[in-house]
Amino acid sequence: MKIIQTITTPTLLPHWSQDLVVTLPRIVCGYLLAFDFGAAKFGMPWSPADNNLGLFEVAFWFPSDVASYGGVFALAPAFFAWIGAFSEAIGGLLLIIGLQTRIASFLIICTMLVAIFMQQIQNGLWNCLPAMGFLWIGLFNLMLGSGRFGMDYLLTKNKA
């Protein structure tokens, strides 16, 4: 239980306005992941209707895309596709509300590293930029947590 408390408790910056400034990229990143990138490949209530995705269903094309990376991804492509799509869609929602921010950030970081080095790098650095942006914001949130403006703070402020 102590480890969950440590992971959940955010690092607070000296002034609330600093926490507000670092909250904005977390919310924007979470929104883009949950409502655009993740929703296109993972069934959410707001997923595009033409994708024909059921709730928590992975897009039909995504496991074969993941299998093409080779190695361990070819051994269990459906699992890795589900984890990747989950980390984008659900991890994005968790970032928006600031709940279990460090865990969501870790999953997003792993997903973005795979996206950069297994999918986009052969298409040039320019194509890596969206995943790199999510990666850097994920690293930042992994270190700081949600700050004062997230559910993590509300859940842990009286226990610290």
Protein backbone atom coordinates (compact mmCIF):
# COMPACT_ATOMS: atom_id res chain seq x y z
CA MET A 1 0.00 0.00 0.00
CA LYS A 2 2.93 2.33 0.69
CA ILE A 3 4.21 1.95 -2.88
CA ILE A 4 0.80 2.91 -4.32
CA GLN A 5 0.79 5.96 -2.04
CA THR A 6 4.28 6.91 -3.25
CA ILE A 7 3.36 6.45 -6.92
CA THR A 8 0.10 8.37 -6.55
CA THR A 9 1.32 11.36 -4.51
CA PRO A 10 2.27 14.14 -6.93
CA THR A 11 5.27 16.39 -6.59
CA LEU A 12 4.08 19.90 -5.81
CA LEU A 13 5.87 22.89 -7.25
CA PRO A 14 6.54 25.90 -4.98
CA HIS A 15 3.61 27.99 -6.25
CA TRP A 16 0.17 26.91 -7.46
CA SER A 17 0.61 28.88 -10.70
CA GLN A 18 3.57 26.66 -11.61
CA ASP A 19 1.39 23.59 -11.13
CA LEU A 20 -1.24 25.20 -13.34
CA VAL A 21 1.29 25.77 -16.14
CA VAL A 22 2.46 22.13 -16.08
CA THR A 23 -1.15 20.92 -15.96
CA LEU A 24 -1.99 22.35 -19.38
CA PRO A 25 0.31 20.04 -21.42
CA ARG A 26 -0.94 17.04 -19.39
CA ILE A 27 -4.57 17.83 -20.25
CA VAL A 28 -3.88 18.62 -23.92
CA CYS A 29 -1.79 15.44 -24.32
CA GLY A 30 -4.46 13.37 -22.59
CA TYR A 31 -7.19 14.85 -24.77
CA LEU A 32 -5.32 14.16 -28.01
CA LEU A 33 -4.49 10.60 -26.95
CA ALA A 34 -7.97 9.72 -25.67
CA PHE A 35 -10.13 11.46 -28.26
CA ASP A 36 -8.04 11.29 -31.42
CA PHE A 37 -5.10 8.86 -31.53
CA GLY A 38 -6.48 6.26 -29.10
CA ALA A 39 -10.13 6.47 -30.12
CA ALA A 40 -9.23 5.68 -33.73
CA LYS A 41 -7.84 2.28 -32.77
CA PHE A 42 -9.58 1.42 -29.48
CA GLY A 43 -13.34 1.28 -29.07
CA MET A 44 -14.55 4.16 -26.95
CA PRO A 45 -18.03 5.73 -26.90
CA TRP A 46 -16.62 8.62 -29.00
CA SER A 47 -14.66 6.50 -31.49
CA PRO A 48 -15.41 7.38 -35.12
CA ALA A 49 -18.52 5.52 -36.24
CA ASP A 50 -16.90 4.45 -39.52
CA ASN A 51 -14.27 2.49 -37.54
CA ASN A 52 -17.01 0.04 -36.42
CA LEU A 53 -15.40 -0.54 -33.02
CA GLY A 54 -17.21 -2.08 -30.10
CA LEU A 55 -16.40 -0.87 -26.59
CA PHE A 56 -12.74 -1.69 -25.76
CA GLU A 57 -12.30 -3.42 -29.11
CA VAL A 58 -9.06 -2.91 -31.05
CA ALA A 59 -9.22 -1.86 -34.69
CA PHE A 60 -8.98 -4.90 -36.99
CA TRP A 61 -5.83 -3.61 -38.73
CA PHE A 62 -3.83 -2.84 -35.58
CA PRO A 63 -2.67 -6.37 -34.54
CA SER A 64 -1.25 -7.06 -38.01
CA ASP A 65 0.51 -3.68 -37.89
CA VAL A 66 2.01 -4.63 -34.51
CA ALA A 67 3.01 -8.10 -35.76
CA SER A 68 4.98 -6.50 -38.60
CA TYR A 69 7.41 -5.06 -36.01
CA GLY A 70 8.74 -8.60 -35.53
CA GLY A 71 10.40 -10.05 -32.45
CA VAL A 72 8.28 -10.29 -29.33
CA PHE A 73 5.53 -8.24 -31.03
CA ALA A 74 5.02 -11.02 -33.59
CA LEU A 75 4.55 -13.58 -30.80
CA ALA A 76 1.51 -11.86 -29.28
CA PRO A 77 0.35 -9.10 -31.64
CA ALA A 78 -3.23 -8.96 -30.31
CA PHE A 79 -1.97 -8.50 -26.75
CA PHE A 80 0.49 -5.74 -27.68
CA ALA A 81 -2.07 -4.04 -29.91
CA TRP A 82 -4.62 -4.05 -27.09
CA ILE A 83 -2.08 -2.72 -24.56
CA GLY A 84 -0.92 0.01 -26.95
CA ALA A 85 -4.43 1.13 -27.84
CA PHE A 86 -5.50 0.93 -24.18
CA SER A 87 -2.56 3.04 -23.03
CA GLU A 88 -3.45 5.74 -25.55
CA ALA A 89 -7.22 5.84 -24.99
CA ILE A 90 -7.54 5.05 -21.29
CA GLY A 91 -4.13 6.48 -20.39
CA GLY A 92 -5.20 9.70 -22.10
CA LEU A 93 -8.34 9.85 -19.99
CA LEU A 94 -6.30 9.27 -16.84
CA LEU A 95 -3.98 12.12 -17.81
CA ILE A 96 -6.92 14.47 -18.36
CA ILE A 97 -8.27 13.93 -14.86
CA GLY A 98 -4.85 13.43 -13.26
CA LEU A 99 -5.62 9.99 -11.84
CA GLN A 100 -2.73 7.54 -11.44
CA THR A 101 -0.77 9.92 -13.62
CA ARG A 102 2.58 8.19 -13.19
CA ILE A 103 1.22 4.76 -14.14
CA ALA A 104 -0.61 6.17 -17.18
CA SER A 105 2.53 8.10 -18.16
CA PHE A 106 4.66 4.96 -17.94
CA LEU A 107 2.30 3.08 -20.27
CA ILE A 108 2.21 6.02 -22.68
CA ILE A 109 6.02 6.28 -22.65
CA CYS A 110 6.36 2.58 -23.52
CA THR A 111 3.78 2.90 -26.30
CA MET A 112 5.45 6.00 -27.74
CA LEU A 113 8.90 4.37 -27.71
CA VAL A 114 7.45 1.49 -29.73
CA ALA A 115 5.68 3.93 -32.07
CA ILE A 116 8.90 5.90 -32.63
CA PHE A 117 11.41 3.10 -33.03
CA MET A 118 9.28 0.31 -34.49
CA GLN A 119 6.83 2.20 -36.67
CA GLN A 120 7.80 5.76 -37.55
CA ILE A 121 11.60 6.09 -37.55
CA GLN A 122 11.98 4.51 -41.01
CA ASN A 123 9.66 7.23 -42.38
CA GLY A 124 11.94 10.00 -41.18
CA LEU A 125 12.21 12.12 -38.07
CA TRP A 126 9.34 14.39 -39.11
CA ASN A 127 6.87 11.49 -38.80
CA CYS A 128 8.14 10.77 -35.28
CA LEU A 129 7.22 14.20 -33.93
CA PRO A 130 3.72 13.41 -32.57
CA ALA A 131 4.98 10.33 -30.72
CA MET A 132 8.02 12.27 -29.49
CA GLY A 133 5.78 15.01 -28.13
CA PHE A 134 3.69 12.48 -26.22
CA LEU A 135 6.89 10.80 -25.03
CA TRP A 136 8.36 14.01 -23.57
CA ILE A 137 5.12 15.02 -21.87
CA GLY A 138 4.84 11.47 -20.53
CA LEU A 139 8.37 11.64 -19.10
CA PHE A 140 7.60 14.96 -17.48
CA ASN A 141 4.39 13.60 -15.90
CA LEU A 142 6.14 10.41 -14.82
CA MET A 143 8.46 12.53 -12.70
CA LEU A 144 5.97 15.09 -11.35
CA GLY A 145 2.66 13.27 -11.28
CA SER A 146 -0.52 15.31 -11.62
CA GLY A 147 0.51 18.31 -9.53
CA ARG A 148 -2.12 20.22 -7.54
CA PHE A 149 -4.68 20.08 -10.34
CA GLY A 150 -5.47 16.40 -10.56
CA MET A 151 -7.31 13.62 -8.77
CA ASP A 152 -4.03 12.22 -7.44
CA TYR A 153 -3.56 15.35 -5.35
CA LEU A 154 -7.12 15.25 -4.03
CA LEU A 155 -6.76 11.58 -3.07
CA THR A 156 -3.44 12.00 -1.28
CA LYS A 157 -3.33 15.52 0.17
CA ASN A 158 -4.60 14.52 3.64
CA LYS A 159 -2.46 11.36 3.78
CA ALA A 160 0.92 12.96 3.09
